[in-house]
């Protein structure tokens, strides 16, 4: 069972529909009593870093999430904004992040005459650089759908599972112990997204 955290920001229905397509049971919840029993968490997110952290703090979810992830060490996957929330801070907001992974979230900053667009939007290749159960059966042609103006930079290269190029090589999948993050939208990434979610379900 995958417990999808509902803090009011994210493509919850689309994520759950993808789990249904691959035959993995899931539930969407903001109830602390259900999260207490969770065996695996998915942290979605669409929107602004500061607003997301404010909702997590004000909803009363922060303590139970910290307990499940940091003390019980159950697997958690943050996707898109959810990945950025795993970091200690973001250039988008003054609020601190969850700080579960030693990393920070930075804004894409290209020269004024650059043809590179921000946000980085559309399909792009994910290049695996380290073996992990989350990236099993990935190849150099594995691609996902991205929509983001900020990117995660991990402090330690050993926490980086893959990179993607958009002006720079940014960290598109990260892992620190039981904590995983993916910058793209697996729920919009067809067979590649299904593969990633199947891998997470098997962890």
N, C-alpha and C. Protein backbone atom coordinates (compact mmCIF):
# COMPACT_ATOMS: atom_id res chain seq x y z
N UNK A 1 0.83 -1.19 0.00
CA UNK A 1 0.00 0.00 0.00
C UNK A 1 0.87 1.25 0.00
N UNK A 2 0.63 2.14 -0.95
CA UNK A 2 1.32 3.42 -1.02
C UNK A 2 0.40 4.49 -0.43
N UNK A 3 0.87 5.21 0.56
CA UNK A 3 0.09 6.29 1.15
C UNK A 3 0.51 7.60 0.51
N UNK A 4 -0.41 8.23 -0.24
CA UNK A 4 -0.16 9.49 -0.94
C UNK A 4 -0.59 10.63 -0.02
N UNK A 5 0.35 11.49 0.36
CA UNK A 5 0.07 12.54 1.32
C UNK A 5 -0.71 13.68 0.66
N UNK A 6 -1.85 14.00 1.24
CA UNK A 6 -2.68 15.11 0.76
C UNK A 6 -2.51 16.30 1.70
N UNK A 7 -1.70 17.27 1.25
CA UNK A 7 -1.57 18.51 2.01
C UNK A 7 -2.13 19.69 1.21
N UNK A 8 -2.90 19.35 0.16
CA UNK A 8 -3.60 20.37 -0.60
C UNK A 8 -2.91 20.84 -1.86
N UNK A 9 -1.75 20.25 -2.21
CA UNK A 9 -1.04 20.66 -3.42
C UNK A 9 -0.46 19.44 -4.11
N UNK A 10 -0.92 19.16 -5.33
CA UNK A 10 -0.39 18.02 -6.06
C UNK A 10 -1.43 17.37 -6.94
N UNK A 11 -0.96 16.62 -7.94
CA UNK A 11 -1.86 15.89 -8.85
C UNK A 11 -2.25 14.56 -8.21
N UNK A 12 -3.01 14.62 -7.13
CA UNK A 12 -3.29 13.43 -6.34
C UNK A 12 -4.02 12.37 -7.14
N UNK A 13 -5.08 12.77 -7.82
CA UNK A 13 -5.87 11.80 -8.58
C UNK A 13 -5.07 11.17 -9.70
N UNK A 14 -4.27 11.97 -10.39
CA UNK A 14 -3.46 11.44 -11.49
C UNK A 14 -2.42 10.45 -10.99
N UNK A 15 -1.82 10.75 -9.84
CA UNK A 15 -0.84 9.83 -9.27
C UNK A 15 -1.49 8.52 -8.87
N UNK A 16 -2.65 8.61 -8.22
CA UNK A 16 -3.34 7.39 -7.81
C UNK A 16 -3.80 6.57 -9.01
N UNK A 17 -4.24 7.25 -10.07
CA UNK A 17 -4.64 6.53 -11.29
C UNK A 17 -3.48 5.77 -11.90
N UNK A 18 -2.28 6.33 -11.83
CA UNK A 18 -1.11 5.63 -12.35
C UNK A 18 -0.83 4.37 -11.53
N UNK A 19 -0.97 4.46 -10.21
CA UNK A 19 -0.80 3.27 -9.38
C UNK A 19 -1.87 2.22 -9.72
N UNK A 20 -3.09 2.66 -9.99
CA UNK A 20 -4.14 1.71 -10.38
C UNK A 20 -3.77 0.99 -11.67
N UNK A 21 -3.18 1.72 -12.62
CA UNK A 21 -2.82 1.14 -13.91
C UNK A 21 -1.77 0.05 -13.77
N UNK A 22 -0.90 0.17 -12.77
CA UNK A 22 0.15 -0.84 -12.59
C UNK A 22 -0.23 -1.85 -11.51
N UNK A 23 -1.46 -1.75 -10.99
CA UNK A 23 -1.94 -2.75 -10.05
C UNK A 23 -1.39 -2.63 -8.65
N UNK A 24 -1.02 -1.42 -8.25
CA UNK A 24 -0.48 -1.20 -6.91
C UNK A 24 -1.51 -0.45 -6.06
N UNK A 25 -1.93 -1.01 -4.93
CA UNK A 25 -2.92 -0.32 -4.09
C UNK A 25 -2.34 0.96 -3.49
N UNK A 26 -3.18 1.99 -3.40
CA UNK A 26 -2.74 3.26 -2.82
C UNK A 26 -3.93 3.94 -2.17
N UNK A 27 -3.62 4.89 -1.30
CA UNK A 27 -4.66 5.70 -0.68
C UNK A 27 -4.18 7.14 -0.59
N UNK A 28 -5.13 8.07 -0.75
CA UNK A 28 -4.84 9.49 -0.60
C UNK A 28 -5.38 9.92 0.75
N UNK A 29 -4.54 10.53 1.58
CA UNK A 29 -5.01 10.87 2.91
C UNK A 29 -4.23 12.04 3.52
N UNK A 30 -4.91 12.74 4.41
CA UNK A 30 -4.27 13.74 5.26
C UNK A 30 -4.49 13.39 6.73
N UNK A 31 -5.04 12.19 6.97
CA UNK A 31 -5.35 11.77 8.34
C UNK A 31 -4.12 11.19 9.02
N UNK A 32 -3.79 11.78 10.16
CA UNK A 32 -2.60 11.35 10.89
C UNK A 32 -2.71 9.88 11.29
N UNK A 33 -3.92 9.43 11.66
CA UNK A 33 -4.09 8.03 12.08
C UNK A 33 -3.76 7.06 10.96
N UNK A 34 -4.04 7.43 9.72
CA UNK A 34 -3.71 6.56 8.58
C UNK A 34 -2.22 6.64 8.25
N UNK A 35 -1.65 7.83 8.34
CA UNK A 35 -0.23 7.99 8.06
C UNK A 35 0.60 7.23 9.08
N UNK A 36 0.12 7.17 10.32
CA UNK A 36 0.84 6.42 11.36
C UNK A 36 1.02 4.96 11.00
N UNK A 37 0.08 4.41 10.22
CA UNK A 37 0.13 3.00 9.84
C UNK A 37 0.79 2.78 8.48
N UNK A 38 1.21 3.85 7.83
CA UNK A 38 1.73 3.75 6.46
C UNK A 38 3.01 2.93 6.41
N UNK A 39 3.15 2.18 5.32
CA UNK A 39 4.36 1.39 5.07
C UNK A 39 5.26 2.05 4.04
N UNK A 40 4.69 2.95 3.25
CA UNK A 40 5.44 3.63 2.20
C UNK A 40 4.69 4.92 1.87
N UNK A 41 5.44 6.02 1.72
CA UNK A 41 4.83 7.33 1.49
C UNK A 41 5.21 7.90 0.14
N UNK A 42 4.27 8.63 -0.46
CA UNK A 42 4.56 9.41 -1.65
C UNK A 42 4.16 10.85 -1.36
N UNK A 43 5.10 11.77 -1.57
CA UNK A 43 4.87 13.19 -1.33
C UNK A 43 4.81 13.90 -2.68
N UNK A 44 3.60 14.26 -3.13
CA UNK A 44 3.46 14.93 -4.41
C UNK A 44 3.68 16.44 -4.24
N UNK A 45 3.45 17.19 -5.28
CA UNK A 45 3.56 18.63 -5.16
C UNK A 45 3.52 19.34 -6.49
N UNK A 46 2.67 20.36 -6.57
CA UNK A 46 2.62 21.26 -7.72
C UNK A 46 2.40 22.66 -7.16
N UNK A 47 3.26 23.60 -7.56
CA UNK A 47 3.08 24.96 -7.07
C UNK A 47 4.33 25.51 -6.43
N UNK A 48 4.14 26.36 -5.43
CA UNK A 48 5.24 27.10 -4.82
C UNK A 48 5.76 26.43 -3.55
N UNK A 49 7.08 26.47 -3.38
CA UNK A 49 7.75 25.85 -2.24
C UNK A 49 7.23 26.40 -0.91
N UNK A 50 7.18 27.71 -0.78
CA UNK A 50 6.77 28.32 0.49
C UNK A 50 5.35 27.96 0.87
N UNK A 51 4.44 28.02 -0.09
CA UNK A 51 3.04 27.68 0.19
C UNK A 51 2.91 26.22 0.60
N UNK A 52 3.69 25.34 -0.05
CA UNK A 52 3.63 23.92 0.28
C UNK A 52 4.12 23.65 1.69
N UNK A 53 5.26 24.23 2.06
CA UNK A 53 5.77 24.03 3.42
C UNK A 53 4.83 24.61 4.46
N UNK A 54 4.22 25.74 4.15
CA UNK A 54 3.27 26.34 5.09
C UNK A 54 2.08 25.42 5.33
N UNK A 55 1.60 24.80 4.26
CA UNK A 55 0.47 23.88 4.42
C UNK A 55 0.85 22.65 5.22
N UNK A 56 2.03 22.13 4.98
CA UNK A 56 2.48 20.95 5.73
C UNK A 56 2.59 21.28 7.22
N UNK A 57 3.15 22.44 7.53
CA UNK A 57 3.31 22.85 8.93
C UNK A 57 1.95 23.12 9.57
N UNK A 58 1.08 23.86 8.89
CA UNK A 58 -0.20 24.26 9.48
C UNK A 58 -1.18 23.10 9.59
N UNK A 59 -1.00 22.09 8.74
CA UNK A 59 -1.91 20.93 8.76
C UNK A 59 -1.61 19.99 9.92
N UNK A 60 -0.45 20.17 10.56
CA UNK A 60 -0.07 19.28 11.64
C UNK A 60 0.58 17.99 11.16
N UNK A 61 0.94 17.94 9.88
CA UNK A 61 1.52 16.71 9.31
C UNK A 61 3.02 16.59 9.55
N UNK A 62 3.67 17.68 9.85
CA UNK A 62 5.14 17.66 9.90
C UNK A 62 5.68 16.63 10.90
N UNK A 63 5.14 16.59 12.10
CA UNK A 63 5.68 15.69 13.13
C UNK A 63 5.54 14.23 12.75
N UNK A 64 4.37 13.84 12.23
CA UNK A 64 4.16 12.44 11.89
C UNK A 64 5.00 12.05 10.68
N UNK A 65 5.18 12.97 9.73
CA UNK A 65 6.03 12.68 8.57
C UNK A 65 7.48 12.51 8.99
N UNK A 66 7.96 13.40 9.86
CA UNK A 66 9.33 13.25 10.38
C UNK A 66 9.51 11.91 11.09
N UNK A 67 8.52 11.54 11.86
CA UNK A 67 8.61 10.27 12.61
C UNK A 67 8.69 9.08 11.66
N UNK A 68 7.80 9.04 10.68
CA UNK A 68 7.75 7.90 9.77
C UNK A 68 9.04 7.80 8.94
N UNK A 69 9.54 8.94 8.48
CA UNK A 69 10.67 8.94 7.56
C UNK A 69 12.01 8.86 8.29
N UNK A 70 12.18 9.65 9.34
CA UNK A 70 13.48 9.76 10.01
C UNK A 70 13.68 8.74 11.12
N UNK A 71 12.59 8.35 11.81
CA UNK A 71 12.71 7.40 12.91
C UNK A 71 12.39 5.97 12.45
N UNK A 72 11.23 5.79 11.84
CA UNK A 72 10.86 4.45 11.37
C UNK A 72 11.54 4.09 10.06
N UNK A 73 11.99 5.12 9.34
CA UNK A 73 12.75 4.94 8.09
C UNK A 73 11.99 4.13 7.04
N UNK A 74 10.69 4.43 6.89
CA UNK A 74 9.95 3.80 5.80
C UNK A 74 10.31 4.52 4.50
N UNK A 75 10.20 3.86 3.35
CA UNK A 75 10.52 4.51 2.07
C UNK A 75 9.56 5.66 1.77
N UNK A 76 10.11 6.77 1.26
CA UNK A 76 9.30 7.91 0.84
C UNK A 76 9.83 8.40 -0.49
N UNK A 77 8.91 8.77 -1.38
CA UNK A 77 9.27 9.31 -2.69
C UNK A 77 8.61 10.67 -2.85
N UNK A 78 9.43 11.72 -3.04
CA UNK A 78 8.91 13.04 -3.36
C UNK A 78 9.00 13.28 -4.85
N UNK A 79 7.92 13.74 -5.46
CA UNK A 79 7.92 13.97 -6.91
C UNK A 79 7.65 15.44 -7.21
N UNK A 80 8.36 15.95 -8.22
CA UNK A 80 8.29 17.34 -8.66
C UNK A 80 8.54 18.28 -7.47
N UNK A 81 7.59 19.14 -7.12
CA UNK A 81 7.78 20.00 -5.95
C UNK A 81 8.04 19.16 -4.70
N UNK A 82 7.44 17.98 -4.63
CA UNK A 82 7.66 17.10 -3.49
C UNK A 82 9.12 16.75 -3.30
N UNK A 83 9.87 16.62 -4.40
CA UNK A 83 11.32 16.37 -4.30
C UNK A 83 12.02 17.59 -3.70
N UNK A 84 11.64 18.79 -4.14
CA UNK A 84 12.27 20.00 -3.64
C UNK A 84 12.00 20.18 -2.15
N UNK A 85 10.83 19.77 -1.67
CA UNK A 85 10.49 19.90 -0.26
C UNK A 85 11.39 19.03 0.62
N UNK A 86 12.02 18.01 0.04
CA UNK A 86 12.92 17.15 0.81
C UNK A 86 14.19 17.87 1.21
N UNK A 87 14.51 18.97 0.54
CA UNK A 87 15.76 19.68 0.78
C UNK A 87 15.63 20.63 1.97
N UNK A 88 16.76 21.23 2.36
CA UNK A 88 16.74 22.10 3.54
C UNK A 88 16.20 23.49 3.24
N UNK A 89 16.30 23.95 1.95
CA UNK A 89 15.87 25.30 1.62
C UNK A 89 15.69 25.44 0.12
N UNK A 90 15.01 26.53 -0.25
CA UNK A 90 14.81 26.83 -1.67
C UNK A 90 14.99 28.33 -1.90
N UNK A 91 15.57 28.68 -3.03
CA UNK A 91 15.69 30.10 -3.40
C UNK A 91 14.32 30.71 -3.70
N UNK A 92 13.29 29.88 -3.75
CA UNK A 92 11.94 30.39 -4.04
C UNK A 92 11.27 30.96 -2.79
N UNK A 93 11.73 30.58 -1.59
CA UNK A 93 11.01 30.97 -0.38
C UNK A 93 11.95 31.10 0.80
N UNK A 94 11.50 31.83 1.83
CA UNK A 94 12.29 31.99 3.04
C UNK A 94 12.07 30.84 4.02
N UNK A 95 10.98 30.10 3.86
CA UNK A 95 10.70 28.98 4.76
C UNK A 95 11.69 27.85 4.53
N UNK A 96 12.08 27.17 5.60
CA UNK A 96 12.93 25.99 5.48
C UNK A 96 12.14 24.82 4.89
N UNK A 97 12.85 23.92 4.22
CA UNK A 97 12.24 22.70 3.73
C UNK A 97 12.21 21.63 4.81
N UNK A 98 11.85 20.42 4.43
CA UNK A 98 11.82 19.31 5.38
C UNK A 98 13.22 18.94 5.86
N UNK A 99 14.22 19.15 5.01
CA UNK A 99 15.60 18.88 5.41
C UNK A 99 15.94 17.42 5.56
N UNK A 100 15.23 16.54 4.87
CA UNK A 100 15.48 15.10 4.98
C UNK A 100 16.69 14.67 4.18
N UNK A 101 17.02 15.43 3.14
CA UNK A 101 18.17 15.12 2.30
C UNK A 101 19.12 16.32 2.34
N UNK A 102 20.42 16.11 2.49
CA UNK A 102 21.36 17.23 2.46
C UNK A 102 21.45 17.79 1.04
N UNK A 103 20.66 18.81 0.78
CA UNK A 103 20.55 19.38 -0.57
C UNK A 103 19.86 20.72 -0.46
N UNK A 104 19.95 21.49 -1.53
CA UNK A 104 19.22 22.76 -1.61
C UNK A 104 18.55 22.87 -2.96
N UNK A 105 17.55 23.74 -3.04
CA UNK A 105 16.80 23.95 -4.27
C UNK A 105 17.16 25.33 -4.83
N UNK A 106 17.62 25.34 -6.07
CA UNK A 106 18.11 26.56 -6.71
C UNK A 106 17.28 26.91 -7.93
N UNK A 107 17.31 28.18 -8.31
CA UNK A 107 16.56 28.63 -9.49
C UNK A 107 17.43 28.52 -10.74
N UNK A 108 16.85 28.04 -11.85
CA UNK A 108 17.55 28.09 -13.13
C UNK A 108 17.87 29.55 -13.44
N UNK A 109 19.11 29.82 -13.78
CA UNK A 109 19.53 31.19 -14.05
C UNK A 109 20.45 31.19 -15.26
N UNK A 110 19.88 31.55 -16.42
CA UNK A 110 20.63 31.56 -17.66
C UNK A 110 20.85 33.00 -18.13
N UNK A 111 21.88 33.24 -18.94
CA UNK A 111 22.10 34.59 -19.47
C UNK A 111 20.89 35.12 -20.21
N UNK A 112 20.77 36.44 -20.24
CA UNK A 112 19.59 37.07 -20.87
C UNK A 112 19.41 36.73 -22.33
N UNK A 113 20.50 36.46 -23.02
CA UNK A 113 20.39 36.14 -24.45
C UNK A 113 20.28 34.63 -24.69
N UNK A 114 20.13 33.87 -23.63
CA UNK A 114 20.05 32.42 -23.78
C UNK A 114 18.72 32.00 -24.41
N UNK A 115 18.77 30.99 -25.24
CA UNK A 115 17.54 30.46 -25.84
C UNK A 115 16.86 29.44 -24.93
N UNK A 116 17.47 29.17 -23.79
CA UNK A 116 16.90 28.20 -22.86
C UNK A 116 15.73 28.81 -22.12
N UNK A 117 14.64 28.06 -22.04
CA UNK A 117 13.42 28.56 -21.42
C UNK A 117 13.36 28.18 -19.94
N UNK A 118 12.76 29.04 -19.16
CA UNK A 118 12.41 28.76 -17.78
C UNK A 118 10.93 29.12 -17.62
N UNK A 119 10.08 28.18 -17.21
CA UNK A 119 10.45 26.86 -16.68
C UNK A 119 10.95 25.87 -17.74
N UNK A 120 11.73 24.91 -17.26
CA UNK A 120 12.11 23.75 -18.07
C UNK A 120 10.86 22.90 -18.20
N UNK A 121 10.35 22.80 -19.42
CA UNK A 121 9.06 22.13 -19.62
C UNK A 121 9.13 21.18 -20.80
N UNK A 122 8.64 19.97 -20.59
CA UNK A 122 8.57 18.99 -21.66
C UNK A 122 9.35 17.73 -21.34
N UNK A 123 9.50 16.87 -22.34
CA UNK A 123 10.19 15.60 -22.17
C UNK A 123 11.70 15.80 -22.19
N UNK A 124 12.40 15.07 -21.33
CA UNK A 124 13.85 15.14 -21.34
C UNK A 124 14.41 13.81 -20.84
N UNK A 125 15.65 13.54 -21.24
CA UNK A 125 16.32 12.30 -20.90
C UNK A 125 16.84 12.34 -19.47
N UNK A 126 16.69 11.21 -18.78
CA UNK A 126 17.26 11.03 -17.45
C UNK A 126 18.43 10.06 -17.59
N UNK A 127 19.62 10.51 -17.17
CA UNK A 127 20.83 9.71 -17.32
C UNK A 127 21.21 9.09 -15.98
N UNK A 128 21.03 7.78 -15.81
CA UNK A 128 21.41 7.14 -14.54
C UNK A 128 22.92 7.22 -14.34
N UNK A 129 23.34 7.56 -13.11
CA UNK A 129 24.76 7.59 -12.79
C UNK A 129 25.10 6.67 -11.62
N UNK A 130 24.09 6.09 -11.00
CA UNK A 130 24.32 5.20 -9.87
C UNK A 130 23.19 4.19 -9.82
N UNK A 131 23.52 2.93 -9.56
CA UNK A 131 22.50 1.89 -9.49
C UNK A 131 21.64 2.06 -8.24
N UNK A 132 20.35 1.81 -8.41
CA UNK A 132 19.40 1.88 -7.30
C UNK A 132 18.18 1.06 -7.66
N UNK A 133 17.49 0.58 -6.66
CA UNK A 133 16.25 -0.16 -6.92
C UNK A 133 15.22 0.74 -7.59
N UNK A 134 15.29 2.05 -7.33
CA UNK A 134 14.32 2.97 -7.93
C UNK A 134 14.54 3.12 -9.44
N UNK A 135 15.77 2.94 -9.90
CA UNK A 135 16.08 3.15 -11.31
C UNK A 135 16.40 1.85 -12.05
N UNK A 136 15.96 0.74 -11.52
CA UNK A 136 16.17 -0.54 -12.21
C UNK A 136 15.51 -0.51 -13.59
N UNK A 137 16.20 -1.08 -14.57
CA UNK A 137 15.72 -1.18 -15.95
C UNK A 137 15.63 0.16 -16.65
N UNK A 138 16.31 1.16 -16.13
CA UNK A 138 16.43 2.42 -16.86
C UNK A 138 17.56 2.27 -17.88
N UNK A 139 17.48 3.05 -18.95
CA UNK A 139 18.53 3.09 -19.95
C UNK A 139 18.87 4.54 -20.25
N UNK A 140 19.80 4.76 -21.16
CA UNK A 140 20.16 6.13 -21.55
C UNK A 140 19.06 6.79 -22.37
N UNK A 141 18.02 6.06 -22.70
CA UNK A 141 16.89 6.62 -23.46
C UNK A 141 15.65 6.80 -22.59
N UNK A 142 15.79 6.56 -21.30
CA UNK A 142 14.63 6.74 -20.40
C UNK A 142 14.35 8.23 -20.24
N UNK A 143 13.10 8.63 -20.50
CA UNK A 143 12.78 10.05 -20.46
C UNK A 143 11.49 10.29 -19.69
N UNK A 144 11.39 11.48 -19.15
CA UNK A 144 10.25 11.84 -18.32
C UNK A 144 9.77 13.25 -18.66
N UNK A 145 8.57 13.58 -18.16
CA UNK A 145 7.98 14.89 -18.43
C UNK A 145 8.27 15.83 -17.26
N UNK A 146 8.90 16.96 -17.57
CA UNK A 146 9.31 17.94 -16.56
C UNK A 146 8.51 19.24 -16.69
N UNK A 147 8.24 19.88 -15.56
CA UNK A 147 7.75 21.26 -15.52
C UNK A 147 8.30 21.87 -14.23
N UNK A 148 9.36 22.68 -14.33
CA UNK A 148 9.93 23.27 -13.12
C UNK A 148 10.86 24.42 -13.45
N UNK A 149 10.88 25.41 -12.55
CA UNK A 149 11.76 26.57 -12.67
C UNK A 149 12.93 26.48 -11.70
N UNK A 150 12.85 25.54 -10.76
CA UNK A 150 13.88 25.34 -9.75
C UNK A 150 14.37 23.89 -9.83
N UNK A 151 15.60 23.67 -9.39
CA UNK A 151 16.17 22.33 -9.45
C UNK A 151 16.90 22.04 -8.15
N UNK A 152 17.06 20.75 -7.86
CA UNK A 152 17.72 20.32 -6.63
C UNK A 152 19.20 20.07 -6.89
N UNK A 153 20.03 20.56 -5.97
CA UNK A 153 21.46 20.26 -6.00
C UNK A 153 21.82 19.57 -4.70
N UNK A 154 22.16 18.29 -4.79
CA UNK A 154 22.54 17.53 -3.60
C UNK A 154 23.94 17.93 -3.15
N UNK A 155 24.16 17.90 -1.83
CA UNK A 155 25.48 18.23 -1.29
C UNK A 155 26.52 17.17 -1.65
N UNK A 156 26.06 15.91 -1.72
CA UNK A 156 26.98 14.79 -1.90
C UNK A 156 26.61 14.00 -3.16
N UNK A 157 27.57 13.78 -4.02
CA UNK A 157 27.31 13.10 -5.29
C UNK A 157 26.80 11.68 -5.07
N UNK A 158 27.14 11.07 -3.94
CA UNK A 158 26.66 9.71 -3.68
C UNK A 158 25.15 9.65 -3.48
N UNK A 159 24.50 10.80 -3.27
CA UNK A 159 23.04 10.85 -3.14
C UNK A 159 22.34 11.05 -4.48
N UNK A 160 23.10 11.15 -5.57
CA UNK A 160 22.54 11.43 -6.89
C UNK A 160 22.40 10.14 -7.69
N UNK A 161 21.19 9.84 -8.13
CA UNK A 161 20.95 8.64 -8.94
C UNK A 161 20.94 8.95 -10.43
N UNK A 162 20.55 10.16 -10.81
CA UNK A 162 20.52 10.51 -12.23
C UNK A 162 20.66 12.01 -12.41
N UNK A 163 21.10 12.38 -13.61
CA UNK A 163 21.15 13.80 -13.99
C UNK A 163 20.36 14.00 -15.28
N UNK A 164 19.97 15.25 -15.50
CA UNK A 164 19.27 15.65 -16.73
C UNK A 164 19.85 16.99 -17.16
N UNK A 165 19.95 17.20 -18.47
CA UNK A 165 20.57 18.43 -18.96
C UNK A 165 19.53 19.44 -19.42
N UNK A 166 19.61 20.63 -18.82
CA UNK A 166 18.86 21.79 -19.31
C UNK A 166 19.73 23.02 -19.00
N UNK A 167 20.64 23.30 -19.90
CA UNK A 167 21.61 24.35 -19.67
C UNK A 167 22.74 23.89 -18.76
N UNK A 168 22.40 23.18 -17.72
CA UNK A 168 23.34 22.55 -16.80
C UNK A 168 22.89 21.11 -16.59
N UNK A 169 23.76 20.30 -16.02
CA UNK A 169 23.37 18.95 -15.61
C UNK A 169 22.84 19.04 -14.17
N UNK A 170 21.53 18.98 -14.04
CA UNK A 170 20.96 19.05 -12.70
C UNK A 170 20.60 17.65 -12.19
N UNK A 171 20.39 17.53 -10.90
CA UNK A 171 20.11 16.25 -10.27
C UNK A 171 18.62 15.94 -10.38
N UNK A 172 18.27 14.98 -11.23
CA UNK A 172 16.86 14.71 -11.51
C UNK A 172 16.27 13.60 -10.66
N UNK A 173 17.10 12.69 -10.13
CA UNK A 173 16.64 11.69 -9.16
C UNK A 173 17.70 11.60 -8.08
N UNK A 174 17.26 11.65 -6.83
CA UNK A 174 18.19 11.56 -5.71
C UNK A 174 17.71 10.52 -4.70
N UNK A 175 18.64 10.04 -3.90
CA UNK A 175 18.32 9.10 -2.83
C UNK A 175 19.28 9.31 -1.68
N UNK A 176 18.72 9.39 -0.49
CA UNK A 176 19.52 9.42 0.74
C UNK A 176 18.89 8.43 1.70
N UNK A 177 19.54 7.27 1.85
CA UNK A 177 19.00 6.19 2.68
C UNK A 177 17.60 5.79 2.16
N UNK A 178 16.56 5.95 2.97
CA UNK A 178 15.20 5.54 2.60
C UNK A 178 14.41 6.63 1.88
N UNK A 179 15.08 7.73 1.55
CA UNK A 179 14.39 8.92 1.02
C UNK A 179 14.76 9.11 -0.45
N UNK A 180 13.73 9.17 -1.30
CA UNK A 180 13.92 9.27 -2.75
C UNK A 180 13.22 10.53 -3.27
N UNK A 181 13.79 11.12 -4.30
CA UNK A 181 13.16 12.26 -4.94
C UNK A 181 13.30 12.20 -6.45
N UNK A 182 12.25 12.60 -7.16
CA UNK A 182 12.27 12.64 -8.63
C UNK A 182 11.71 14.00 -9.06
N UNK A 183 12.46 14.74 -9.86
CA UNK A 183 12.07 16.11 -10.21
C UNK A 183 10.93 16.16 -11.22
N UNK A 184 10.71 15.11 -11.95
CA UNK A 184 9.72 15.09 -13.04
C UNK A 184 8.35 14.63 -12.53
N UNK A 185 7.42 14.53 -13.47
CA UNK A 185 6.07 14.04 -13.17
C UNK A 185 5.93 12.60 -13.69
N UNK A 186 6.09 11.59 -12.85
CA UNK A 186 5.90 10.22 -13.34
C UNK A 186 4.47 9.96 -13.80
N UNK A 187 3.51 10.66 -13.20
CA UNK A 187 2.11 10.44 -13.57
C UNK A 187 1.79 10.98 -14.96
N UNK A 188 2.71 11.75 -15.55
CA UNK A 188 2.54 12.28 -16.90
C UNK A 188 3.54 11.68 -17.88
N UNK A 189 4.26 10.66 -17.43
CA UNK A 189 5.39 10.15 -18.20
C UNK A 189 5.17 8.76 -18.78
N UNK A 190 3.89 8.36 -18.90
CA UNK A 190 3.53 7.13 -19.60
C UNK A 190 4.32 5.91 -19.08
N UNK A 191 4.87 5.11 -20.01
CA UNK A 191 5.51 3.84 -19.61
C UNK A 191 6.72 4.07 -18.71
N UNK A 192 7.42 5.19 -18.90
CA UNK A 192 8.59 5.46 -18.07
C UNK A 192 8.17 5.79 -16.64
N UNK A 193 7.09 6.55 -16.51
CA UNK A 193 6.57 6.84 -15.18
C UNK A 193 6.06 5.60 -14.47
N UNK A 194 5.41 4.73 -15.22
CA UNK A 194 4.93 3.48 -14.63
C UNK A 194 6.10 2.62 -14.14
N UNK A 195 7.18 2.62 -14.91
CA UNK A 195 8.36 1.83 -14.51
C UNK A 195 8.93 2.35 -13.19
N UNK A 196 9.04 3.67 -13.06
CA UNK A 196 9.58 4.23 -11.83
C UNK A 196 8.68 3.91 -10.64
N UNK A 197 7.37 4.07 -10.79
CA UNK A 197 6.45 3.81 -9.70
C UNK A 197 6.40 2.33 -9.35
N UNK A 198 6.52 1.46 -10.35
CA UNK A 198 6.60 0.01 -10.08
C UNK A 198 7.86 -0.30 -9.26
N UNK A 199 8.96 0.33 -9.64
CA UNK A 199 10.21 0.12 -8.89
C UNK A 199 10.05 0.58 -7.45
N UNK A 200 9.42 1.74 -7.26
CA UNK A 200 9.24 2.24 -5.89
C UNK A 200 8.34 1.30 -5.09
N UNK A 201 7.31 0.77 -5.73
CA UNK A 201 6.40 -0.14 -5.03
C UNK A 201 7.11 -1.42 -4.58
N UNK A 202 8.18 -1.80 -5.29
CA UNK A 202 8.90 -3.03 -4.94
C UNK A 202 9.98 -2.82 -3.89
N UNK A 203 10.30 -1.58 -3.59
CA UNK A 203 11.35 -1.30 -2.59
C UNK A 203 10.90 -1.76 -1.21
